[in-house]
């Protein structure tokens, strides 16, 4: 056959070389973009094909780089200037960047705005999560955290619906950006974090918010209530500062910290990898995107019901390993082109998304319960940075589909299983007090109770009630006849740290 083609002057070697170097062959006759699904896209408007194809992966990595930047910068701003102004700065940045991106004439304008969107998105979300947990009592923190994630999933589904009706990407960008204007009302509606105000010596402002909360919950505060809170805040602010290397100062802390950070990295990588990969799945892209958001909501609801009963560690291990196995099966079926295989790929991919969404929510909660109080903010900050690093790698792993269509899903599945198995070495945190010192972490790794557990047993019931009296989000008012008197400064310090 080859000799026949050569006899008619068909250059076999040239065609073979071109086939092996498709990405380097220019579109000499131009190109046309299909409008069957989308009226216009960033790819079609900016012609991100052939020699410009690299912009697609690069822009996505820039977005996740922005998220890494936002996790670092907005965390510092939040601690220095307060939760409320930092949240509003994030929302304003998101609004400005989104509007400019929607009218961007080229990638050189769009990419910086995409970076700023990533930073603002992460900053606003992290600050909102922090405020929501600081404004409710201890028993409501788990519920508050998971409810926020549920609304995140609702936004995911809502985006699929908007994209279905708005096929022009510039109008879609405006549609998801302009509602940020509504957050302007939060300047008057959202109170500042009470712990932050006390830590900054702004006692009068904290007292106003606490008394408003007490009035709302029909609770009468003791005269010495604020004094004890102030003493606890002053005592805490007098402690020395801790840094990144303190999370690695002992063998037990180092192994736990690295394990947690790796779990965050893998969870983020797989979570966003599946989300972005919907464009490569068979079937309607809008339906696929909406279904991924839907299964995420179901995962959060299941976590809310199950995680306290089965334990954090078991839930994390099972969800990651089952999710990883589902993605590996989906990857192995991906090479088959028949309709049955396509449906099976979707089913197993959705199963993987369901599990990884659950594990992401669990590891978020578990990490906050694993790090001792003295380095909890530092440990969680590095964990968030690890997640952002995982997101940066997502676009490049998805490009592996050019090597083999199944490879991205297989990589995601293998990493999820490895991470899940490593989670077996993390200590259980369910129904256990938060560790306060590095020695508590060591004791917990040996399966022992924390040294101060016996001290706190007598305060468990009253601590929850007294904290809830200061929480605008709590509903149950404490009985006026119940004991509310403060036993000691140490008790209040333990209450604030927990």
Protein backbone atom coordinates (compact mmCIF):
# COMPACT_ATOMS: atom_id res chain seq x y z
CA UNK A 1 0.00 0.00 0.00
CA UNK A 2 2.84 2.37 0.88
CA UNK A 3 4.60 1.70 -2.42
CA UNK A 4 1.38 2.46 -4.30
CA UNK A 5 0.95 5.82 -2.54
CA UNK A 6 4.55 6.71 -3.26
CA UNK A 7 4.09 5.79 -6.95
CA UNK A 8 1.41 8.49 -7.25
CA UNK A 9 3.64 11.08 -5.56
CA UNK A 10 1.88 10.91 -2.19
CA UNK A 11 4.40 12.02 0.45
CA UNK A 12 3.84 9.38 3.13
CA UNK A 13 6.67 10.56 5.41
CA UNK A 14 5.43 14.15 5.40
CA UNK A 15 1.89 13.11 6.31
CA UNK A 16 3.17 10.82 9.10
CA UNK A 17 5.34 13.58 10.54
CA UNK A 18 2.40 15.97 10.51
CA UNK A 19 0.20 13.39 12.26
CA UNK A 20 2.78 13.01 15.02
CA UNK A 21 3.10 16.78 15.50
CA UNK A 22 -0.50 17.94 15.20
CA UNK A 23 -0.08 20.73 17.73
CA UNK A 24 2.65 22.34 15.63
CA UNK A 25 0.78 22.37 12.32
CA UNK A 26 -0.65 25.82 11.63
CA UNK A 27 -4.23 26.33 10.49
CA UNK A 28 -3.15 27.68 7.11
CA UNK A 29 -6.67 27.86 5.70
CA UNK A 30 -8.22 29.45 8.77
CA UNK A 31 -10.85 27.94 11.04
CA UNK A 32 -14.50 28.22 11.91
CA UNK A 33 -16.12 27.75 15.32
CA UNK A 34 -19.25 25.70 15.85
CA UNK A 35 -22.23 27.55 17.34
CA UNK A 36 -24.32 24.47 18.04
CA UNK A 37 -23.87 24.79 21.82
CA UNK A 38 -22.46 28.29 22.40
CA UNK A 39 -23.06 31.57 20.59
CA UNK A 40 -19.60 32.82 21.54
CA UNK A 41 -16.89 31.72 23.92
CA UNK A 42 -13.55 33.02 25.12
CA UNK A 43 -11.93 30.48 22.80
CA UNK A 44 -13.81 31.72 19.74
CA UNK A 45 -13.54 35.45 20.52
CA UNK A 46 -9.82 35.36 21.22
CA UNK A 47 -9.08 32.49 18.77
CA UNK A 48 -7.42 30.25 21.34
CA UNK A 49 -6.62 27.44 18.91
CA UNK A 50 -3.56 26.15 17.10
CA UNK A 51 -0.59 28.30 18.13
CA UNK A 52 -2.72 30.08 20.79
CA UNK A 53 -4.07 26.91 22.34
CA UNK A 54 -1.77 27.19 25.34
CA UNK A 55 -3.75 30.20 26.59
CA UNK A 56 -6.61 27.94 27.69
CA UNK A 57 -4.59 25.96 30.21
CA UNK A 58 -2.51 28.97 31.19
CA UNK A 59 -5.53 31.14 31.95
CA UNK A 60 -7.03 28.46 34.19
CA UNK A 61 -3.79 28.10 36.10
CA UNK A 62 -3.66 31.89 36.44
CA UNK A 63 -7.13 31.79 38.00
CA UNK A 64 -6.04 29.22 40.59
CA UNK A 65 -2.84 31.20 41.17
CA UNK A 66 -5.11 34.11 41.99
CA UNK A 67 -6.93 31.89 44.48
CA UNK A 68 -3.60 31.09 46.13
CA UNK A 69 -2.80 34.81 46.29
CA UNK A 70 -6.23 35.56 47.73
CA UNK A 71 -5.89 32.91 50.44
CA UNK A 72 -2.66 34.55 51.62
CA UNK A 73 -3.52 38.24 51.26
CA UNK A 74 -7.14 38.27 52.38
CA UNK A 75 -6.31 36.14 55.40
CA UNK A 76 -3.79 38.75 56.52
CA UNK A 77 -6.17 41.63 55.76
CA UNK A 78 -8.93 39.91 57.71
CA UNK A 79 -6.75 39.54 60.79
CA UNK A 80 -5.51 43.13 60.61
CA UNK A 81 -8.52 45.18 59.51
CA UNK A 82 -11.45 42.97 60.46
CA UNK A 83 -13.76 40.44 58.84
CA UNK A 84 -16.49 42.77 57.59
CA UNK A 85 -14.38 45.33 55.65
CA UNK A 86 -12.21 42.56 54.18
CA UNK A 87 -15.27 40.67 52.97
CA UNK A 88 -16.64 43.81 51.32
CA UNK A 89 -13.24 44.52 49.70
CA UNK A 90 -13.31 41.01 48.24
CA UNK A 91 -16.83 41.48 46.87
CA UNK A 92 -15.96 44.89 45.40
CA UNK A 93 -12.84 43.45 43.74
CA UNK A 94 -14.92 40.62 42.33
CA UNK A 95 -17.40 43.11 40.90
CA UNK A 96 -14.75 45.33 39.27
CA UNK A 97 -12.75 42.42 37.84
CA UNK A 98 -15.85 40.73 36.45
CA UNK A 99 -17.12 43.84 34.67
CA UNK A 100 -13.72 44.59 33.10
CA UNK A 101 -13.29 40.94 32.06
CA UNK A 102 -16.66 40.99 30.31
CA UNK A 103 -15.48 43.76 27.96
CA UNK A 104 -11.86 42.61 27.62
CA UNK A 105 -10.63 43.04 24.00
CA UNK A 106 -7.90 40.40 24.29
CA UNK A 107 -6.25 37.88 26.62
CA UNK A 108 -3.75 40.42 27.89
CA UNK A 109 -6.63 42.28 29.57
CA UNK A 110 -8.73 39.23 30.43
CA UNK A 111 -6.03 37.18 32.18
CA UNK A 112 -5.13 39.79 34.86
CA UNK A 113 -8.83 40.23 35.61
CA UNK A 114 -9.21 36.45 35.79
CA UNK A 115 -6.37 36.40 38.35
CA UNK A 116 -8.10 39.12 40.39
CA UNK A 117 -11.39 37.23 40.22
CA UNK A 118 -9.70 34.14 41.63
CA UNK A 119 -8.14 36.14 44.46
CA UNK A 120 -11.37 37.99 45.31
CA UNK A 121 -13.50 34.84 45.11
CA UNK A 122 -11.29 32.98 47.58
CA UNK A 123 -10.90 35.98 49.86
CA UNK A 124 -14.62 36.67 50.12
CA UNK A 125 -15.50 33.00 50.64
CA UNK A 126 -12.87 32.34 53.32
CA UNK A 127 -13.79 35.47 55.26
CA UNK A 128 -17.50 34.60 55.02
CA UNK A 129 -16.78 31.09 56.30
CA UNK A 130 -14.76 32.48 59.20
CA UNK A 131 -17.43 34.99 60.18
CA UNK A 132 -20.19 32.38 60.04
CA UNK A 133 -18.35 30.12 62.48
CA UNK A 134 -17.43 33.00 64.81
CA UNK A 135 -20.99 34.32 65.09
CA UNK A 136 -22.63 31.05 66.22
CA UNK A 137 -22.25 28.87 69.31
CA UNK A 138 -20.00 25.78 69.38
CA UNK A 139 -22.78 23.27 68.80
CA UNK A 140 -23.87 25.07 65.62
CA UNK A 141 -20.45 25.40 63.97
CA UNK A 142 -20.60 22.09 62.10
CA UNK A 143 -24.07 22.90 60.78
CA UNK A 144 -23.00 26.41 59.80
CA UNK A 145 -19.97 25.13 57.90
CA UNK A 146 -21.89 22.54 55.91
CA UNK A 147 -24.81 24.89 55.16
CA UNK A 148 -22.37 27.32 53.53
CA UNK A 149 -21.09 24.48 51.36
CA UNK A 150 -24.67 23.58 50.40
CA UNK A 151 -25.26 27.12 49.16
CA UNK A 152 -21.99 26.84 47.24
CA UNK A 153 -23.51 23.83 45.46
CA UNK A 154 -26.75 25.73 44.80
CA UNK A 155 -24.70 28.44 43.10
CA UNK A 156 -23.07 25.74 40.99
CA UNK A 157 -26.45 24.48 39.78
CA UNK A 158 -27.66 28.05 39.24
CA UNK A 159 -24.66 28.78 37.02
CA UNK A 160 -25.56 25.83 34.80
CA UNK A 161 -29.07 27.26 34.39
CA UNK A 162 -27.80 30.76 33.57
CA UNK A 163 -25.30 29.39 31.05
CA UNK A 164 -28.07 27.41 29.35
CA UNK A 165 -30.12 30.55 28.68
CA UNK A 166 -27.22 32.97 28.15
CA UNK A 167 -25.00 31.53 25.41
CA UNK A 168 -22.88 34.69 24.96
CA UNK A 169 -19.96 34.51 27.43
CA UNK A 170 -19.69 38.29 27.93
CA UNK A 171 -23.32 38.59 29.00
CA UNK A 172 -22.94 35.50 31.18
CA UNK A 173 -19.93 37.10 32.89
CA UNK A 174 -22.05 40.15 33.71
CA UNK A 175 -24.96 38.00 34.89
CA UNK A 176 -22.84 36.24 37.50
CA UNK A 177 -20.93 39.40 38.51
CA UNK A 178 -23.53 42.14 38.92
CA UNK A 179 -25.46 40.44 41.78
CA UNK A 180 -22.40 41.20 43.94
CA UNK A 181 -23.86 44.73 44.24
CA UNK A 182 -26.43 43.29 46.66
CA UNK A 183 -23.69 42.55 49.18
CA UNK A 184 -23.39 46.29 49.75
CA UNK A 185 -26.23 45.91 52.25
CA UNK A 186 -23.94 43.78 54.40
CA UNK A 187 -22.21 46.94 55.57
CA UNK A 188 -25.25 47.53 57.77
CA UNK A 189 -26.49 43.94 58.21
CA UNK A 190 -23.30 42.01 58.96
CA UNK A 191 -21.81 42.47 62.45
CA UNK A 192 -18.08 42.36 63.02
CA UNK A 193 -16.53 39.25 64.58
CA UNK A 194 -16.69 39.47 68.38
CA UNK A 195 -13.46 37.49 68.95
CA UNK A 196 -11.63 39.76 66.51
CA UNK A 197 -12.91 42.93 68.20
CA UNK A 198 -11.83 41.66 71.62
CA UNK A 199 -8.40 40.66 70.33
CA UNK A 200 -7.93 44.22 69.02
CA UNK A 201 -9.02 45.90 72.22
CA UNK A 202 -12.23 47.26 70.71
CA UNK A 203 -14.22 46.18 73.73
CA UNK A 204 -16.98 48.78 73.44
CA UNK A 205 -17.94 47.65 69.93
CA UNK A 206 -17.87 44.01 71.01
CA UNK A 207 -20.07 44.77 73.99
CA UNK A 208 -22.69 46.47 71.79
CA UNK A 209 -22.94 43.40 69.55
CA UNK A 210 -23.03 40.99 72.51
CA UNK A 211 -25.78 42.94 74.25
CA UNK A 212 -27.80 43.06 71.02
CA UNK A 213 -27.44 39.29 70.74
CA UNK A 214 -28.43 38.83 74.37
CA UNK A 215 -31.48 41.03 73.86
CA UNK A 216 -32.45 39.06 70.76
CA UNK A 217 -32.12 35.78 72.68
CA UNK A 218 -33.87 37.23 75.76
CA UNK A 219 -30.87 36.63 78.00
CA UNK A 220 -29.75 38.84 80.90
CA UNK A 221 -25.96 39.20 81.10
CA UNK A 222 -24.03 39.39 84.34
CA UNK A 223 -22.03 42.51 85.09
CA UNK A 224 -18.75 40.57 85.09
CA UNK A 225 -19.52 38.82 81.82
CA UNK A 226 -17.65 41.32 79.62
CA UNK A 227 -14.77 41.60 82.07
CA UNK A 228 -14.11 37.87 81.85
CA UNK A 229 -14.24 37.95 78.07
CA UNK A 230 -11.77 40.84 78.00
CA UNK A 231 -9.41 39.07 80.35
CA UNK A 232 -9.46 35.99 78.15
CA UNK A 233 -8.75 38.05 75.03
CA UNK A 234 -5.87 39.89 76.71
CA UNK A 235 -4.37 36.64 77.93
CA UNK A 236 -4.57 35.11 74.48
CA UNK A 237 -3.10 38.18 72.77
CA UNK A 238 -0.14 38.02 75.14
CA UNK A 239 0.95 34.60 73.87
CA UNK A 240 3.90 34.37 71.51
CA UNK A 241 3.34 34.21 67.75
CA UNK A 242 3.61 30.89 65.95
CA UNK A 243 4.72 30.31 62.38
CA UNK A 244 4.76 27.71 59.63
CA UNK A 245 7.76 25.81 60.94
CA UNK A 246 6.01 25.28 64.28
CA UNK A 247 3.68 22.88 62.48
CA UNK A 248 6.75 20.73 61.76
CA UNK A 249 8.60 21.13 65.06
CA UNK A 250 7.96 17.56 66.31
CA UNK A 251 7.66 14.21 64.56
CA UNK A 252 3.99 13.88 65.47
CA UNK A 253 3.16 17.41 64.32
CA UNK A 254 5.15 17.05 61.09
CA UNK A 255 3.57 13.75 60.03
CA UNK A 256 0.08 15.01 60.84
CA UNK A 257 0.56 18.40 59.18
CA UNK A 258 2.03 16.99 55.97
CA UNK A 259 -0.73 14.39 55.81
CA UNK A 260 -3.45 17.03 56.22
CA UNK A 261 -1.87 19.38 53.68
CA UNK A 262 -1.48 16.60 51.11
CA UNK A 263 -5.12 15.62 51.60
CA UNK A 264 -6.17 19.21 50.96
CA UNK A 265 -4.04 19.39 47.81
CA UNK A 266 -5.47 16.16 46.38
CA UNK A 267 -9.06 17.01 47.32
CA UNK A 268 -8.81 20.37 45.57
CA UNK A 269 -7.07 18.89 42.53
CA UNK A 270 -9.67 16.15 42.03
CA UNK A 271 -12.65 18.37 42.95
CA UNK A 272 -11.84 21.05 40.38
CA UNK A 273 -10.46 18.53 37.90
CA UNK A 274 -13.84 16.80 37.63
CA UNK A 275 -15.68 20.13 37.52
CA UNK A 276 -13.61 21.52 34.65
CA UNK A 277 -13.57 18.18 32.82
CA UNK A 278 -17.34 18.26 32.21
CA UNK A 279 -16.68 19.71 28.75
CA UNK A 280 -14.98 16.44 27.78
CA UNK A 281 -17.84 14.24 29.00
CA UNK A 282 -20.46 12.81 26.66
CA UNK A 283 -23.94 14.29 26.70
CA UNK A 284 -25.30 17.78 27.23
CA UNK A 285 -22.61 19.98 28.87
CA UNK A 286 -25.17 22.08 30.77
CA UNK A 287 -26.84 19.00 32.21
CA UNK A 288 -23.47 17.51 33.17
CA UNK A 289 -22.40 20.71 34.90
CA UNK A 290 -25.71 21.00 36.76
CA UNK A 291 -25.61 17.35 37.81
CA UNK A 292 -22.13 17.78 39.26
CA UNK A 293 -23.41 20.68 41.37
CA UNK A 294 -26.45 18.64 42.37
CA UNK A 295 -24.50 15.63 43.59
CA UNK A 296 -22.32 18.05 45.54
CA UNK A 297 -25.37 19.30 47.45
CA UNK A 298 -26.39 15.71 48.23
CA UNK A 299 -22.86 15.03 49.48
CA UNK A 300 -22.97 18.00 51.87
CA UNK A 301 -26.37 16.96 53.21
CA UNK A 302 -25.14 13.39 53.74
CA UNK A 303 -22.06 14.67 55.60
CA UNK A 304 -24.27 16.79 57.83
CA UNK A 305 -26.26 13.70 58.82
CA UNK A 306 -23.57 11.02 58.91
CA UNK A 307 -20.20 12.51 59.81
CA UNK A 308 -20.83 12.80 63.56
CA UNK A 309 -22.06 9.22 63.73
CA UNK A 310 -19.42 7.40 61.70
CA UNK A 311 -16.48 9.59 62.67
CA UNK A 312 -14.37 12.02 60.64
CA UNK A 313 -11.52 9.66 59.78
CA UNK A 314 -13.63 6.72 58.56
CA UNK A 315 -15.85 9.03 56.52
CA UNK A 316 -12.81 10.67 54.91
CA UNK A 317 -11.06 7.38 54.08
CA UNK A 318 -14.16 5.72 52.62
CA UNK A 319 -15.24 8.72 50.56
CA UNK A 320 -11.79 9.23 49.03
CA UNK A 321 -11.12 5.56 48.26
CA UNK A 322 -14.58 4.90 46.83
CA UNK A 323 -14.43 8.12 44.82
CA UNK A 324 -10.96 7.26 43.50
CA UNK A 325 -12.08 3.77 42.49
CA UNK A 326 -15.10 5.23 40.66
CA UNK A 327 -12.87 7.62 38.70
CA UNK A 328 -10.49 4.81 37.72
CA UNK A 329 -13.42 2.75 36.40
CA UNK A 330 -14.70 5.80 34.50
CA UNK A 331 -11.24 6.29 32.99
CA UNK A 332 -10.99 2.67 31.85
CA UNK A 333 -14.42 2.91 30.20
CA UNK A 334 -13.62 6.25 28.58
CA UNK A 335 -11.90 4.70 25.56
CA UNK A 336 -15.06 2.89 24.46
CA UNK A 337 -17.27 4.93 22.15
CA UNK A 338 -20.59 3.04 22.43
CA UNK A 339 -23.53 4.73 24.12
CA UNK A 340 -23.63 2.32 27.06
CA UNK A 341 -20.01 3.07 27.94
CA UNK A 342 -20.64 6.82 27.71
CA UNK A 343 -23.51 6.55 30.18
CA UNK A 344 -21.38 4.42 32.51
CA UNK A 345 -18.59 7.00 32.36
CA UNK A 346 -21.05 9.71 33.40
CA UNK A 347 -22.43 7.60 36.25
CA UNK A 348 -19.02 6.71 37.66
CA UNK A 349 -17.76 10.27 37.22
CA UNK A 350 -20.75 11.60 39.15
CA UNK A 351 -20.10 9.01 41.85
CA UNK A 352 -16.50 10.21 42.03
CA UNK A 353 -17.66 13.82 42.26
CA UNK A 354 -20.13 12.93 45.01
CA UNK A 355 -17.43 11.24 47.09
CA UNK A 356 -14.73 13.85 46.57
CA UNK A 357 -17.16 16.65 47.46
CA UNK A 358 -17.96 14.84 50.70
CA UNK A 359 -14.28 14.25 51.48
CA UNK A 360 -13.42 17.90 50.78
CA UNK A 361 -16.02 19.05 53.29
CA UNK A 362 -14.86 16.48 55.86
CA UNK A 363 -11.15 17.29 55.56
CA UNK A 364 -12.01 20.99 55.95
CA UNK A 365 -13.73 20.28 59.26
CA UNK A 366 -11.22 17.67 60.39
CA UNK A 367 -8.20 19.91 59.80
CA UNK A 368 -9.61 22.58 62.09
CA UNK A 369 -10.01 19.93 64.80
CA UNK A 370 -6.56 18.40 64.34
CA UNK A 371 -4.29 21.42 64.68
CA UNK A 372 -3.73 22.62 68.26
CA UNK A 373 -5.05 26.05 69.17
CA UNK A 374 -1.61 27.68 69.19
CA UNK A 375 -1.06 26.95 65.47
CA UNK A 376 -4.60 26.37 64.21
CA UNK A 377 -4.74 29.51 62.07
CA UNK A 378 -1.27 28.82 60.65
CA UNK A 379 -2.05 25.18 59.90
CA UNK A 380 -5.36 26.01 58.22
CA UNK A 381 -3.70 28.77 56.22
CA UNK A 382 -1.08 26.40 54.82
CA UNK A 383 -3.83 23.84 54.14
CA UNK A 384 -5.74 26.41 52.11
CA UNK A 385 -2.57 27.28 50.20
CA UNK A 386 -2.03 23.57 49.47
CA UNK A 387 -5.52 23.38 48.00
CA UNK A 388 -4.80 26.34 45.73
CA UNK A 389 -1.56 24.69 44.55
CA UNK A 390 -3.58 21.61 43.67
CA UNK A 391 -5.92 23.76 41.59
CA UNK A 392 -2.99 25.24 39.65
CA UNK A 393 -2.01 21.77 38.42
CA UNK A 394 -5.54 20.86 37.28
CA UNK A 395 -5.44 22.38 33.74
CA UNK A 396 -2.15 20.68 32.93
CA UNK A 397 -3.35 17.28 34.14
CA UNK A 398 -6.43 17.68 31.93
CA UNK A 399 -4.12 18.29 28.97
CA UNK A 400 -2.94 14.68 29.40
CA UNK A 401 -6.05 13.69 27.47
CA UNK A 402 -4.05 14.50 24.31
CA UNK A 403 -1.73 11.63 25.27
CA UNK A 404 -4.53 9.24 26.25
CA UNK A 405 -8.16 10.20 26.81
CA UNK A 406 -8.41 8.15 30.01
CA UNK A 407 -5.25 9.48 31.64
CA UNK A 408 -6.70 12.49 33.55
CA UNK A 409 -9.39 10.40 35.24
CA UNK A 410 -6.88 7.68 36.10
CA UNK A 411 -4.50 10.23 37.65
CA UNK A 412 -7.32 11.73 39.71
CA UNK A 413 -8.49 8.30 40.85
CA UNK A 414 -5.05 7.04 41.88
CA UNK A 415 -4.23 10.22 43.81
CA UNK A 416 -7.58 10.07 45.63
CA UNK A 417 -6.98 6.48 46.77
CA UNK A 418 -3.41 7.21 47.91
CA UNK A 419 -4.59 10.25 49.85
CA UNK A 420 -7.47 8.29 51.40
CA UNK A 421 -5.14 5.54 52.60
CA UNK A 422 -2.80 8.11 54.13
CA UNK A 423 -5.78 9.52 56.04
CA UNK A 424 -5.87 6.25 58.00
CA UNK A 425 -2.86 7.57 59.92
CA UNK A 426 -4.70 10.70 61.09
CA UNK A 427 -6.18 10.65 64.60
CA UNK A 428 -9.94 10.59 65.07
CA UNK A 429 -11.47 13.90 66.20
CA UNK A 430 -15.17 13.13 66.56
CA UNK A 431 -16.60 14.00 69.97
CA UNK A 432 -13.15 14.84 71.30
CA UNK A 433 -12.02 18.19 72.69
CA UNK A 434 -9.88 20.44 70.56
CA UNK A 435 -6.14 20.07 71.22
CA UNK A 436 -4.59 23.14 72.81
CA UNK A 437 -0.86 22.36 72.78
CA UNK A 438 1.65 20.23 70.90
CA UNK A 439 1.61 17.70 73.76
CA UNK A 440 -2.12 17.22 73.20
CA UNK A 441 -1.43 16.26 69.59
CA UNK A 442 1.16 13.74 70.73
CA UNK A 443 -1.27 12.24 73.25
CA UNK A 444 -4.02 12.07 70.66
CA UNK A 445 -1.75 10.27 68.20
CA UNK A 446 -1.21 7.66 70.90
CA UNK A 447 -4.95 7.27 71.33
CA UNK A 448 -4.95 9.00 74.71
CA UNK A 449 -7.23 11.72 75.98
CA UNK A 450 -5.97 15.28 76.09
CA UNK A 451 -4.43 16.22 79.39
CA UNK A 452 -7.02 18.90 80.09
CA UNK A 453 -10.03 16.73 79.29
CA UNK A 454 -10.74 16.02 82.95
CA UNK A 455 -10.66 19.73 83.74
CA UNK A 456 -13.15 20.61 81.02
CA UNK A 457 -15.71 17.91 81.82
CA UNK A 458 -17.32 19.98 84.56
CA UNK A 459 -17.60 22.95 82.20
CA UNK A 460 -18.99 21.25 79.10
CA UNK A 461 -22.66 22.01 79.66
CA UNK A 462 -22.35 25.57 80.95
CA UNK A 463 -19.67 26.54 78.40
CA UNK A 464 -21.93 25.85 75.43
CA UNK A 465 -24.78 27.81 76.94
CA UNK A 466 -22.68 30.77 77.91
CA UNK A 467 -21.04 30.95 74.48
CA UNK A 468 -24.41 30.71 72.76
CA UNK A 469 -25.68 33.72 74.74
CA UNK A 470 -23.15 35.85 72.83
CA UNK A 471 -23.98 34.33 69.43
CA UNK A 472 -26.42 36.22 67.16
CA UNK A 473 -27.01 33.02 65.21
CA UNK A 474 -28.16 30.93 68.17
CA UNK A 475 -31.84 30.56 69.00
CA UNK A 476 -32.02 28.72 72.29
CA UNK A 477 -32.02 31.16 75.17
CA UNK A 478 -30.45 29.94 78.39
CA UNK A 479 -32.69 29.39 81.40
CA UNK A 480 -32.40 32.37 83.76
CA UNK A 481 -32.35 29.99 86.70
CA UNK A 482 -29.49 27.91 85.25
CA UNK A 483 -26.00 28.49 86.68
CA UNK A 484 -24.32 31.21 84.62
CA UNK A 485 -21.65 32.47 86.98
CA UNK A 486 -18.08 32.33 85.80
CA UNK A 487 -15.92 29.93 87.82
CA UNK A 488 -12.51 31.22 86.78
CA UNK A 489 -10.53 33.09 84.12
CA UNK A 490 -9.10 29.74 82.97
CA UNK A 491 -12.57 28.52 82.16
CA UNK A 492 -13.27 31.52 79.96
CA UNK A 493 -9.95 31.14 78.20
CA UNK A 494 -10.73 27.49 77.46
CA UNK A 495 -14.18 28.48 76.22
CA UNK A 496 -12.82 31.12 73.85
CA UNK A 497 -10.13 28.85 72.45
CA UNK A 498 -12.58 26.03 71.78
